[in-house]
Amino acid sequence: MTYWEIIKRLTSLGCHELPRSGGGSHREWYNPTTDRTTVVPDWGGDDLKWGTIRGIVRQLGLDWDEFQQA
């Protein structure tokens, strides 16, 4: 799953990207429902590992099944 596929799902679940203060290939995302943040690697069209994706979902306090259906 690519960064763009992940952010579509995160956005549909109410999360949003925080403003960037510098460069780099990682972006910070925030879930206002759980008041949690995490960093999501932005590798363009390259797929992220499933363990990384599951960690992102867990750190934002989202349900894995809801994320998959989003």
PDB file of N, CA and C in Angstrom:
ATOM      1  N   MET A   1       0.849  -1.162   0.000  1.00  0.00           N
ATOM      2  CA  MET A   1       0.000   0.000   0.000  1.00  0.00           C
ATOM      3  C   MET A   1       0.906   1.240   0.000  1.00  0.00           C
ATOM      4  N   THR A   2       0.619   2.188  -0.879  1.00  0.00           N
ATOM      5  CA  THR A   2       1.441   3.381  -1.009  1.00  0.00           C
ATOM      6  C   THR A   2       0.993   4.460  -0.021  1.00  0.00           C
ATOM      7  N   TYR A   3       1.809   5.495   0.090  1.00  0.00           N
ATOM      8  CA  TYR A   3       1.489   6.623   0.970  1.00  0.00           C
ATOM      9  C   TYR A   3       0.149   7.225   0.587  1.00  0.00           C
ATOM     10  N   TRP A   4      -0.092   7.385  -0.701  1.00  0.00           N
ATOM     11  CA  TRP A   4      -1.323   8.035  -1.164  1.00  0.00           C
ATOM     12  C   TRP A   4      -2.553   7.215  -0.825  1.00  0.00           C
ATOM     13  N   GLU A   5      -2.455   5.902  -0.879  1.00  0.00           N
ATOM     14  CA  GLU A   5      -3.574   5.038  -0.487  1.00  0.00           C
ATOM     15  C   GLU A   5      -3.835   5.145   1.020  1.00  0.00           C
ATOM     16  N   ILE A   6      -2.774   5.229   1.792  1.00  0.00           N
ATOM     17  CA  ILE A   6      -2.902   5.337   3.246  1.00  0.00           C
ATOM     18  C   ILE A   6      -3.547   6.663   3.636  1.00  0.00           C
ATOM     19  N   ILE A   7      -3.103   7.772   3.031  1.00  0.00           N
ATOM     20  CA  ILE A   7      -3.649   9.065   3.441  1.00  0.00           C
ATOM     21  C   ILE A   7      -5.116   9.215   3.045  1.00  0.00           C
ATOM     22  N   LYS A   8      -5.538   8.587   1.968  1.00  0.00           N
ATOM     23  CA  LYS A   8      -6.957   8.612   1.603  1.00  0.00           C
ATOM     24  C   LYS A   8      -7.789   7.960   2.706  1.00  0.00           C
ATOM     25  N   ARG A   9      -7.296   6.849   3.215  1.00  0.00           N
ATOM     26  CA  ARG A   9      -8.010   6.145   4.286  1.00  0.00           C
ATOM     27  C   ARG A   9      -7.978   6.934   5.598  1.00  0.00           C
ATOM     28  N   LEU A  10      -6.811   7.482   5.927  1.00  0.00           N
ATOM     29  CA  LEU A  10      -6.701   8.267   7.157  1.00  0.00           C
ATOM     30  C   LEU A  10      -7.619   9.491   7.111  1.00  0.00           C
ATOM     31  N   THR A  11      -7.651  10.161   5.970  1.00  0.00           N
ATOM     32  CA  THR A  11      -8.501  11.337   5.818  1.00  0.00           C
ATOM     33  C   THR A  11      -9.974  10.975   5.964  1.00  0.00           C
ATOM     34  N   SER A  12     -10.368   9.856   5.389  1.00  0.00           N
ATOM     35  CA  SER A  12     -11.772   9.439   5.485  1.00  0.00           C
ATOM     36  C   SER A  12     -12.156   9.068   6.915  1.00  0.00           C
ATOM     37  N   LEU A  13     -11.164   8.741   7.745  1.00  0.00           N
ATOM     38  CA  LEU A  13     -11.422   8.402   9.149  1.00  0.00           C
ATOM     39  C   LEU A  13     -11.280   9.616  10.071  1.00  0.00           C
ATOM     40  N   GLY A  14     -11.085  10.811   9.502  1.00  0.00           N
ATOM     41  CA  GLY A  14     -11.057  12.036  10.284  1.00  0.00           C
ATOM     42  C   GLY A  14      -9.682  12.538  10.677  1.00  0.00           C
ATOM     43  N   CYS A  15      -8.635  11.878  10.239  1.00  0.00           N
ATOM     44  CA  CYS A  15      -7.270  12.321  10.561  1.00  0.00           C
ATOM     45  C   CYS A  15      -6.830  13.382   9.553  1.00  0.00           C
ATOM     46  N   HIS A  16      -5.829  14.183   9.932  1.00  0.00           N
ATOM     47  CA  HIS A  16      -5.301  15.169   9.001  1.00  0.00           C
ATOM     48  C   HIS A  16      -3.802  15.364   9.222  1.00  0.00           C
ATOM     49  N   GLU A  17      -3.161  15.851   8.168  1.00  0.00           N
ATOM     50  CA  GLU A  17      -1.717  16.073   8.217  1.00  0.00           C
ATOM     51  C   GLU A  17      -1.423  17.380   8.928  1.00  0.00           C
ATOM     52  N   LEU A  18      -0.417  17.366   9.780  1.00  0.00           N
ATOM     53  CA  LEU A  18       0.032  18.582  10.458  1.00  0.00           C
ATOM     54  C   LEU A  18       0.970  19.351   9.545  1.00  0.00           C
ATOM     55  N   PRO A  19       1.015  20.681   9.693  1.00  0.00           N
ATOM     56  CA  PRO A  19       1.910  21.485   8.842  1.00  0.00           C
ATOM     57  C   PRO A  19       3.368  21.053   9.003  1.00  0.00           C
ATOM     58  N   ARG A  20       4.084  21.075   7.903  1.00  0.00           N
ATOM     59  CA  ARG A  20       5.486  20.675   7.914  1.00  0.00           C
ATOM     60  C   ARG A  20       6.361  21.856   8.271  1.00  0.00           C
ATOM     61  N   SER A  21       7.398  21.577   9.041  1.00  0.00           N
ATOM     62  CA  SER A  21       8.331  22.638   9.420  1.00  0.00           C
ATOM     63  C   SER A  21       9.659  22.523   8.675  1.00  0.00           C
ATOM     64  N   GLY A  22       9.831  21.440   7.939  1.00  0.00           N
ATOM     65  CA  GLY A  22      11.075  21.243   7.216  1.00  0.00           C
ATOM     66  C   GLY A  22      10.902  20.216   6.120  1.00  0.00           C
ATOM     67  N   GLY A  23      11.997  19.819   5.531  1.00  0.00           N
ATOM     68  CA  GLY A  23      11.952  18.835   4.463  1.00  0.00           C
ATOM     69  C   GLY A  23      11.923  17.423   5.012  1.00  0.00           C
ATOM     70  N   GLY A  24      12.205  16.494   4.151  1.00  0.00           N
ATOM     71  CA  GLY A  24      12.255  15.104   4.578  1.00  0.00           C
ATOM     72  C   GLY A  24      11.173  14.270   3.924  1.00  0.00           C
ATOM     73  N   SER A  25      11.243  12.972   4.152  1.00  0.00           N
ATOM     74  CA  SER A  25      10.320  12.048   3.501  1.00  0.00           C
ATOM     75  C   SER A  25       9.274  11.493   4.460  1.00  0.00           C
ATOM     76  N   HIS A  26       9.087  12.137   5.602  1.00  0.00           N
ATOM     77  CA  HIS A  26       8.091  11.695   6.572  1.00  0.00           C
ATOM     78  C   HIS A  26       7.153  12.851   6.893  1.00  0.00           C
ATOM     79  N   ARG A  27       5.892  12.527   7.104  1.00  0.00           N
ATOM     80  CA  ARG A  27       4.885  13.544   7.415  1.00  0.00           C
ATOM     81  C   ARG A  27       4.152  13.156   8.687  1.00  0.00           C
ATOM     82  N   GLU A  28       3.827  14.154   9.487  1.00  0.00           N
ATOM     83  CA  GLU A  28       3.159  13.902  10.762  1.00  0.00           C
ATOM     84  C   GLU A  28       1.652  14.006  10.580  1.00  0.00           C
ATOM     85  N   TRP A  29       0.925  13.005  11.112  1.00  0.00           N
ATOM     86  CA  TRP A  29      -0.529  12.954  11.024  1.00  0.00           C
ATOM     87  C   TRP A  29      -1.138  12.974  12.413  1.00  0.00           C
ATOM     88  N   TYR A  30      -2.342  13.554  12.511  1.00  0.00           N
ATOM     89  CA  TYR A  30      -3.014  13.757  13.788  1.00  0.00           C
ATOM     90  C   TYR A  30      -4.438  13.219  13.725  1.00  0.00           C
ATOM     91  N   ASN A  31      -4.844  12.516  14.791  1.00  0.00           N
ATOM     92  CA  ASN A  31      -6.215  12.035  14.931  1.00  0.00           C
ATOM     93  C   ASN A  31      -6.876  12.846  16.046  1.00  0.00           C
ATOM     94  N   PRO A  32      -7.780  13.794  15.708  1.00  0.00           N
ATOM     95  CA  PRO A  32      -8.399  14.633  16.744  1.00  0.00           C
ATOM     96  C   PRO A  32      -9.320  13.854  17.683  1.00  0.00           C
ATOM     97  N   THR A  33      -9.828  12.727  17.248  1.00  0.00           N
ATOM     98  CA  THR A  33     -10.713  11.925  18.089  1.00  0.00           C
ATOM     99  C   THR A  33      -9.974  11.337  19.279  1.00  0.00           C
ATOM    100  N   THR A  34      -8.759  10.836  19.033  1.00  0.00           N
ATOM    101  CA  THR A  34      -7.972  10.209  20.095  1.00  0.00           C
ATOM    102  C   THR A  34      -6.863  11.125  20.611  1.00  0.00           C
ATOM    103  N   ASP A  35      -6.665  12.276  19.969  1.00  0.00           N
ATOM    104  CA  ASP A  35      -5.616  13.233  20.315  1.00  0.00           C
ATOM    105  C   ASP A  35      -4.229  12.590  20.233  1.00  0.00           C
ATOM    106  N   ARG A  36      -4.013  11.794  19.192  1.00  0.00           N
ATOM    107  CA  ARG A  36      -2.735  11.112  18.991  1.00  0.00           C
ATOM    108  C   ARG A  36      -2.126  11.527  17.658  1.00  0.00           C
ATOM    109  N   THR A  37      -0.796  11.487  17.609  1.00  0.00           N
ATOM    110  CA  THR A  37      -0.076  11.775  16.372  1.00  0.00           C
ATOM    111  C   THR A  37       0.858  10.622  16.042  1.00  0.00           C
ATOM    112  N   THR A  38       1.245  10.557  14.778  1.00  0.00           N
ATOM    113  CA  THR A  38       2.248   9.598  14.337  1.00  0.00           C
ATOM    114  C   THR A  38       2.911  10.135  13.087  1.00  0.00           C
ATOM    115  N   VAL A  39       4.002   9.506  12.718  1.00  0.00           N
ATOM    116  CA  VAL A  39       4.747   9.888  11.524  1.00  0.00           C
ATOM    117  C   VAL A  39       4.510   8.824  10.457  1.00  0.00           C
ATOM    118  N   VAL A  40       4.198   9.310   9.242  1.00  0.00           N
ATOM    119  CA  VAL A  40       3.942   8.409   8.117  1.00  0.00           C
ATOM    120  C   VAL A  40       5.015   8.653   7.061  1.00  0.00           C
ATOM    121  N   PRO A  41       5.764   7.605   6.663  1.00  0.00           N
ATOM    122  CA  PRO A  41       6.772   7.783   5.617  1.00  0.00           C
ATOM    123  C   PRO A  41       6.114   8.097   4.280  1.00  0.00           C
ATOM    124  N   ASP A  42       6.599   9.112   3.590  1.00  0.00           N
ATOM    125  CA  ASP A  42       6.103   9.471   2.265  1.00  0.00           C
ATOM    126  C   ASP A  42       7.137   9.034   1.240  1.00  0.00           C
ATOM    127  N   TRP A  43       6.983   7.825   0.757  1.00  0.00           N
ATOM    128  CA  TRP A  43       7.903   7.275  -0.214  1.00  0.00           C
ATOM    129  C   TRP A  43       7.314   7.293  -1.613  1.00  0.00           C
ATOM    130  N   GLY A  44       6.361   8.196  -1.838  1.00  0.00           N
ATOM    131  CA  GLY A  44       5.762   8.324  -3.168  1.00  0.00           C
ATOM    132  C   GLY A  44       5.021   7.066  -3.570  1.00  0.00           C
ATOM    133  N   GLY A  45       5.432   6.460  -4.674  1.00  0.00           N
ATOM    134  CA  GLY A  45       4.752   5.289  -5.197  1.00  0.00           C
ATOM    135  C   GLY A  45       5.224   3.970  -4.626  1.00  0.00           C
ATOM    136  N   ASP A  46       6.229   3.998  -3.756  1.00  0.00           N
ATOM    137  CA  ASP A  46       6.733   2.752  -3.164  1.00  0.00           C
ATOM    138  C   ASP A  46       5.794   2.274  -2.055  1.00  0.00           C
ATOM    139  N   ASP A  47       5.618   0.970  -1.971  1.00  0.00           N
ATOM    140  CA  ASP A  47       4.761   0.390  -0.941  1.00  0.00           C
ATOM    141  C   ASP A  47       5.448   0.418   0.420  1.00  0.00           C
ATOM    142  N   LEU A  48       4.644   0.703   1.442  1.00  0.00           N
ATOM    143  CA  LEU A  48       5.128   0.612   2.815  1.00  0.00           C
ATOM    144  C   LEU A  48       4.894  -0.816   3.308  1.00  0.00           C
ATOM    145  N   LYS A  49       5.705  -1.253   4.250  1.00  0.00           N
ATOM    146  CA  LYS A  49       5.552  -2.598   4.802  1.00  0.00           C
ATOM    147  C   LYS A  49       4.296  -2.654   5.661  1.00  0.00           C
ATOM    148  N   TRP A  50       3.672  -3.843   5.709  1.00  0.00           N
ATOM    149  CA  TRP A  50       2.426  -4.007   6.467  1.00  0.00           C
ATOM    150  C   TRP A  50       2.621  -3.733   7.949  1.00  0.00           C
ATOM    151  N   GLY A  51       3.769  -4.064   8.481  1.00  0.00           N
ATOM    152  CA  GLY A  51       4.039  -3.784   9.889  1.00  0.00           C
ATOM    153  C   GLY A  51       4.077  -2.295  10.170  1.00  0.00           C
ATOM    154  N   THR A  52       4.608  -1.535   9.232  1.00  0.00           N
ATOM    155  CA  THR A  52       4.631  -0.072   9.364  1.00  0.00           C
ATOM    156  C   THR A  52       3.216   0.477   9.323  1.00  0.00           C
ATOM    157  N   ILE A  53       2.411  -0.021   8.407  1.00  0.00           N
ATOM    158  CA  ILE A  53       1.027   0.445   8.277  1.00  0.00           C
ATOM    159  C   ILE A  53       0.233   0.118   9.533  1.00  0.00           C
ATOM    160  N   ARG A  54       0.396  -1.091  10.043  1.00  0.00           N
ATOM    161  CA  ARG A  54      -0.322  -1.477  11.270  1.00  0.00           C
ATOM    162  C   ARG A  54       0.124  -0.609  12.454  1.00  0.00           C
ATOM    163  N   GLY A  55       1.411  -0.264  12.503  1.00  0.00           N
ATOM    164  CA  GLY A  55       1.908   0.606  13.558  1.00  0.00           C
ATOM    165  C   GLY A  55       1.312   2.002  13.474  1.00  0.00           C
ATOM    166  N   ILE A  56       1.158   2.516  12.263  1.00  0.00           N
ATOM    167  CA  ILE A  56       0.540   3.826  12.055  1.00  0.00           C
ATOM    168  C   ILE A  56      -0.892   3.809  12.571  1.00  0.00           C
ATOM    169  N   VAL A  57      -1.625   2.785  12.202  1.00  0.00           N
ATOM    170  CA  VAL A  57      -3.026   2.666  12.612  1.00  0.00           C
ATOM    171  C   VAL A  57      -3.126   2.553  14.131  1.00  0.00           C
ATOM    172  N   ARG A  58      -2.279   1.749  14.725  1.00  0.00           N
ATOM    173  CA  ARG A  58      -2.284   1.562  16.182  1.00  0.00           C
ATOM    174  C   ARG A  58      -1.912   2.856  16.906  1.00  0.00           C
ATOM    175  N   GLN A  59      -0.894   3.549  16.430  1.00  0.00           N
ATOM    176  CA  GLN A  59      -0.440   4.779  17.085  1.00  0.00           C
ATOM    177  C   GLN A  59      -1.485   5.890  17.010  1.00  0.00           C
ATOM    178  N   LEU A  60      -2.298   5.893  15.961  1.00  0.00           N
ATOM    179  CA  LEU A  60      -3.357   6.895  15.851  1.00  0.00           C
ATOM    180  C   LEU A  60      -4.618   6.485  16.613  1.00  0.00           C
ATOM    181  N   GLY A  61      -4.624   5.279  17.177  1.00  0.00           N
ATOM    182  CA  GLY A  61      -5.774   4.823  17.946  1.00  0.00           C
ATOM    183  C   GLY A  61      -6.956   4.418  17.086  1.00  0.00           C
ATOM    184  N   LEU A  62      -6.687   3.981  15.855  1.00  0.00           N
ATOM    185  CA  LEU A  62      -7.744   3.565  14.945  1.00  0.00           C
ATOM    186  C   LEU A  62      -7.945   2.062  15.000  1.00  0.00           C
ATOM    187  N   ASP A  63      -9.122   1.625  14.605  1.00  0.00           N
ATOM    188  CA  ASP A  63      -9.428   0.204  14.521  1.00  0.00           C
ATOM    189  C   ASP A  63      -8.932  -0.328  13.172  1.00  0.00           C
ATOM    190  N   TRP A  64      -8.218  -1.455  13.187  1.00  0.00           N
ATOM    191  CA  TRP A  64      -7.635  -2.004  11.966  1.00  0.00           C
ATOM    192  C   TRP A  64      -8.710  -2.343  10.943  1.00  0.00           C
ATOM    193  N   ASP A  65      -9.821  -2.926  11.359  1.00  0.00           N
ATOM    194  CA  ASP A  65     -10.889  -3.293  10.436  1.00  0.00           C
ATOM    195  C   ASP A  65     -11.510  -2.060   9.792  1.00  0.00           C
ATOM    196  N   GLU A  66     -11.716  -1.008  10.577  1.00  0.00           N
ATOM    197  CA  GLU A  66     -12.266   0.238  10.026  1.00  0.00           C
ATOM    198  C   GLU A  66     -11.292   0.849   9.010  1.00  0.00           C
ATOM    199  N   PHE A  67     -10.011   0.777   9.312  1.00  0.00           N
ATOM    200  CA  PHE A  67      -8.996   1.308   8.391  1.00  0.00           C
ATOM    201  C   PHE A  67      -9.035   0.551   7.071  1.00  0.00           C
ATOM    202  N   GLN A  68      -9.149  -0.769   7.119  1.00  0.00           N
ATOM    203  CA  GLN A  68      -9.170  -1.569   5.902  1.00  0.00           C
ATOM    204  C   GLN A  68     -10.412  -1.313   5.070  1.00  0.00           C
ATOM    205  N   GLN A  69     -11.524  -1.005   5.711  1.00  0.00           N
ATOM    206  CA  GLN A  69     -12.765  -0.770   4.985  1.00  0.00           C
ATOM    207  C   GLN A  69     -12.905   0.658   4.489  1.00  0.00           C
ATOM    208  N   ALA A  70     -12.076   1.563   4.996  1.00  0.00           N
ATOM    209  CA  ALA A  70     -12.185   2.985   4.618  1.00  0.00           C
ATOM    210  C   ALA A  70     -11.796   3.202   3.163  1.00  0.00           C
TER     211      ALA A  70
END
